[in-house]
């Protein structure tokens, strides 16, 4: 979602006329479709917190593992994500791009 302080860097017309209209439109879209493409930072953070910190939840259970969320909704991950060869390829490329010495990682 567009943060309101972004309007500090634009001309007065954009800041006082167009900006507030766009912000209100985004708020309305989020109200009617909270898991849509426009989400607040607070909503996204609440979903991450719910999944990461083991808060007991009817849908996720206690201490969820191997979980894929689309916003607040649990969905199935792509079948490619379960391919161990592709997981290894992704890990190897990530280590290379991050320039990490693989011998110095716990996962290496």
C-alpha atoms as a PDB file:
ATOM      1  CA  UNK A   1       0.000   0.000   0.000  1.00  0.00           C
ATOM      2  CA  UNK A   2       1.200   3.520  -0.680  1.00  0.00           C
ATOM      3  CA  UNK A   3       2.545   5.088   2.483  1.00  0.00           C
ATOM      4  CA  UNK A   4       1.218   8.557   3.246  1.00  0.00           C
ATOM      5  CA  UNK A   5       4.693  10.068   3.694  1.00  0.00           C
ATOM      6  CA  UNK A   6       5.417   9.470  -0.003  1.00  0.00           C
ATOM      7  CA  UNK A   7       3.240  12.487  -0.708  1.00  0.00           C
ATOM      8  CA  UNK A   8       5.788  14.760   0.986  1.00  0.00           C
ATOM      9  CA  UNK A   9       8.023  14.594  -2.104  1.00  0.00           C
ATOM     10  CA  UNK A  10       5.548  15.630  -4.803  1.00  0.00           C
ATOM     11  CA  UNK A  11       4.094  18.918  -6.014  1.00  0.00           C
ATOM     12  CA  UNK A  12       1.220  20.529  -4.048  1.00  0.00           C
ATOM     13  CA  UNK A  13      -1.479  19.470  -6.531  1.00  0.00           C
ATOM     14  CA  UNK A  14      -0.485  15.813  -6.198  1.00  0.00           C
ATOM     15  CA  UNK A  15      -0.064  16.153  -2.446  1.00  0.00           C
ATOM     16  CA  UNK A  16      -3.327  17.875  -1.552  1.00  0.00           C
ATOM     17  CA  UNK A  17      -5.699  16.888  -4.374  1.00  0.00           C
ATOM     18  CA  UNK A  18      -4.723  13.633  -6.070  1.00  0.00           C
ATOM     19  CA  UNK A  19      -2.925  11.962  -3.148  1.00  0.00           C
ATOM     20  CA  UNK A  20      -5.797  11.948  -0.642  1.00  0.00           C
ATOM     21  CA  UNK A  21      -8.184  10.616  -3.303  1.00  0.00           C
ATOM     22  CA  UNK A  22      -5.822   7.759  -4.124  1.00  0.00           C
ATOM     23  CA  UNK A  23      -5.263   6.939  -0.445  1.00  0.00           C
ATOM     24  CA  UNK A  24      -9.023   6.824   0.207  1.00  0.00           C
ATOM     25  CA  UNK A  25      -9.512   4.627  -2.871  1.00  0.00           C
ATOM     26  CA  UNK A  26      -6.835   2.208  -1.617  1.00  0.00           C
ATOM     27  CA  UNK A  27      -8.476   2.113   1.819  1.00  0.00           C
ATOM     28  CA  UNK A  28     -11.849   1.304   0.241  1.00  0.00           C
ATOM     29  CA  UNK A  29     -10.342  -1.445  -1.923  1.00  0.00           C
ATOM     30  CA  UNK A  30      -8.609  -2.933   1.118  1.00  0.00           C
ATOM     31  CA  UNK A  31     -11.812  -2.774   3.167  1.00  0.00           C
ATOM     32  CA  UNK A  32     -13.801  -4.768   0.603  1.00  0.00           C
ATOM     33  CA  UNK A  33     -10.961  -7.130  -0.347  1.00  0.00           C
ATOM     34  CA  UNK A  34      -8.536  -7.445   2.609  1.00  0.00           C
ATOM     35  CA  UNK A  35      -6.508 -10.253   1.004  1.00  0.00           C
ATOM     36  CA  UNK A  36      -6.334  -8.532  -2.371  1.00  0.00           C
ATOM     37  CA  UNK A  37      -3.374  -6.959  -4.096  1.00  0.00           C
ATOM     38  CA  UNK A  38      -3.561  -3.800  -1.968  1.00  0.00           C
ATOM     39  CA  UNK A  39      -2.800  -4.656   1.668  1.00  0.00           C
ATOM     40  CA  UNK A  40      -1.719  -2.590   4.638  1.00  0.00           C
ATOM     41  CA  UNK A  41       1.608  -3.150   6.332  1.00  0.00           C
ATOM     42  CA  UNK A  42      -0.264  -4.022   9.521  1.00  0.00           C
ATOM     43  CA  UNK A  43      -2.342  -6.714   7.801  1.00  0.00           C
ATOM     44  CA  UNK A  44       0.716  -8.313   6.208  1.00  0.00           C
ATOM     45  CA  UNK A  45       2.676  -8.165   9.464  1.00  0.00           C
ATOM     46  CA  UNK A  46      -0.207  -9.769  11.369  1.00  0.00           C
ATOM     47  CA  UNK A  47      -0.255 -12.666   8.887  1.00  0.00           C
ATOM     48  CA  UNK A  48       3.499 -13.199   9.209  1.00  0.00           C
ATOM     49  CA  UNK A  49       3.313 -13.021  13.003  1.00  0.00           C
ATOM     50  CA  UNK A  50       0.437 -15.495  13.047  1.00  0.00           C
ATOM     51  CA  UNK A  51       2.413 -18.038  11.003  1.00  0.00           C
ATOM     52  CA  UNK A  52       5.896 -17.447  12.413  1.00  0.00           C
ATOM     53  CA  UNK A  53       5.406 -17.298  16.140  1.00  0.00           C
ATOM     54  CA  UNK A  54       3.200 -20.308  16.708  1.00  0.00           C
ATOM     55  CA  UNK A  55       0.137 -18.471  17.891  1.00  0.00           C
ATOM     56  CA  UNK A  56      -2.515 -21.162  18.333  1.00  0.00           C
ATOM     57  CA  UNK A  57      -4.856 -20.806  15.392  1.00  0.00           C
ATOM     58  CA  UNK A  58      -7.759 -22.993  14.245  1.00  0.00           C
ATOM     59  CA  UNK A  59      -6.718 -22.885  10.603  1.00  0.00           C
ATOM     60  CA  UNK A  60      -2.936 -23.126  11.044  1.00  0.00           C
ATOM     61  CA  UNK A  61      -2.759 -25.230  14.191  1.00  0.00           C
ATOM     62  CA  UNK A  62      -0.095 -24.834  16.844  1.00  0.00           C
ATOM     63  CA  UNK A  63       3.458 -24.105  15.633  1.00  0.00           C
ATOM     64  CA  UNK A  64       2.704 -24.427  11.901  1.00  0.00           C
ATOM     65  CA  UNK A  65       5.406 -25.831   9.628  1.00  0.00           C
ATOM     66  CA  UNK A  66       5.765 -26.076   5.845  1.00  0.00           C
ATOM     67  CA  UNK A  67       3.081 -23.498   5.348  1.00  0.00           C
ATOM     68  CA  UNK A  68       2.172 -21.270   2.410  1.00  0.00           C
ATOM     69  CA  UNK A  69      -0.137 -18.316   2.924  1.00  0.00           C
ATOM     70  CA  UNK A  70      -1.782 -15.977   0.455  1.00  0.00           C
ATOM     71  CA  UNK A  71      -2.453 -13.108   2.808  1.00  0.00           C
ATOM     72  CA  UNK A  72      -4.353 -14.634   5.708  1.00  0.00           C
ATOM     73  CA  UNK A  73      -5.602 -17.605   3.689  1.00  0.00           C
ATOM     74  CA  UNK A  74      -3.773 -20.946   3.683  1.00  0.00           C
ATOM     75  CA  UNK A  75      -3.171 -22.265   0.164  1.00  0.00           C
ATOM     76  CA  UNK A  76      -1.230 -25.098  -1.416  1.00  0.00           C
ATOM     77  CA  UNK A  77       2.280 -24.292  -2.564  1.00  0.00           C
ATOM     78  CA  UNK A  78       3.301 -24.911  -6.164  1.00  0.00           C
ATOM     79  CA  UNK A  79       4.329 -28.499  -6.880  1.00  0.00           C
ATOM     80  CA  UNK A  80       7.782 -27.279  -7.973  1.00  0.00           C
ATOM     81  CA  UNK A  81       8.469 -26.137  -4.415  1.00  0.00           C
ATOM     82  CA  UNK A  82       8.540 -29.785  -3.310  1.00  0.00           C
ATOM     83  CA  UNK A  83      11.136 -30.813  -5.927  1.00  0.00           C
ATOM     84  CA  UNK A  84      14.325 -31.503  -3.939  1.00  0.00           C
ATOM     85  CA  UNK A  85      16.567 -31.009  -6.975  1.00  0.00           C
ATOM     86  CA  UNK A  86      15.143 -27.525  -7.554  1.00  0.00           C
ATOM     87  CA  UNK A  87      15.477 -26.740  -3.837  1.00  0.00           C
ATOM     88  CA  UNK A  88      19.168 -27.643  -4.003  1.00  0.00           C
ATOM     89  CA  UNK A  89      19.620 -25.573  -7.173  1.00  0.00           C
ATOM     90  CA  UNK A  90      17.929 -22.581  -5.516  1.00  0.00           C
ATOM     91  CA  UNK A  91      20.092 -22.907  -2.393  1.00  0.00           C
ATOM     92  CA  UNK A  92      23.315 -23.172  -4.430  1.00  0.00           C
ATOM     93  CA  UNK A  93      22.437 -20.127  -6.537  1.00  0.00           C
ATOM     94  CA  UNK A  94      21.388 -18.128  -3.449  1.00  0.00           C
ATOM     95  CA  UNK A  95      24.695 -18.860  -1.699  1.00  0.00           C
ATOM     96  CA  UNK A  96      26.603 -17.891  -4.848  1.00  0.00           C
ATOM     97  CA  UNK A  97      24.688 -14.631  -5.381  1.00  0.00           C
ATOM     98  CA  UNK A  98      24.969 -13.671  -1.705  1.00  0.00           C
ATOM     99  CA  UNK A  99      28.706 -14.440  -1.881  1.00  0.00           C
ATOM    100  CA  UNK A 100      28.499 -16.588   1.244  1.00  0.00           C
ATOM    101  CA  UNK A 101      31.224 -19.101   2.001  1.00  0.00           C
ATOM    102  CA  UNK A 102      29.086 -22.256   2.112  1.00  0.00           C
ATOM    103  CA  UNK A 103      31.456 -23.935   4.576  1.00  0.00           C
ATOM    104  CA  UNK A 104      30.613 -21.201   7.103  1.00  0.00           C
ATOM    105  CA  UNK A 105      26.852 -21.765   7.079  1.00  0.00           C
ATOM    106  CA  UNK A 106      24.904 -24.177   9.249  1.00  0.00           C
ATOM    107  CA  UNK A 107      22.906 -25.260   6.206  1.00  0.00           C
ATOM    108  CA  UNK A 108      25.873 -25.876   3.887  1.00  0.00           C
END
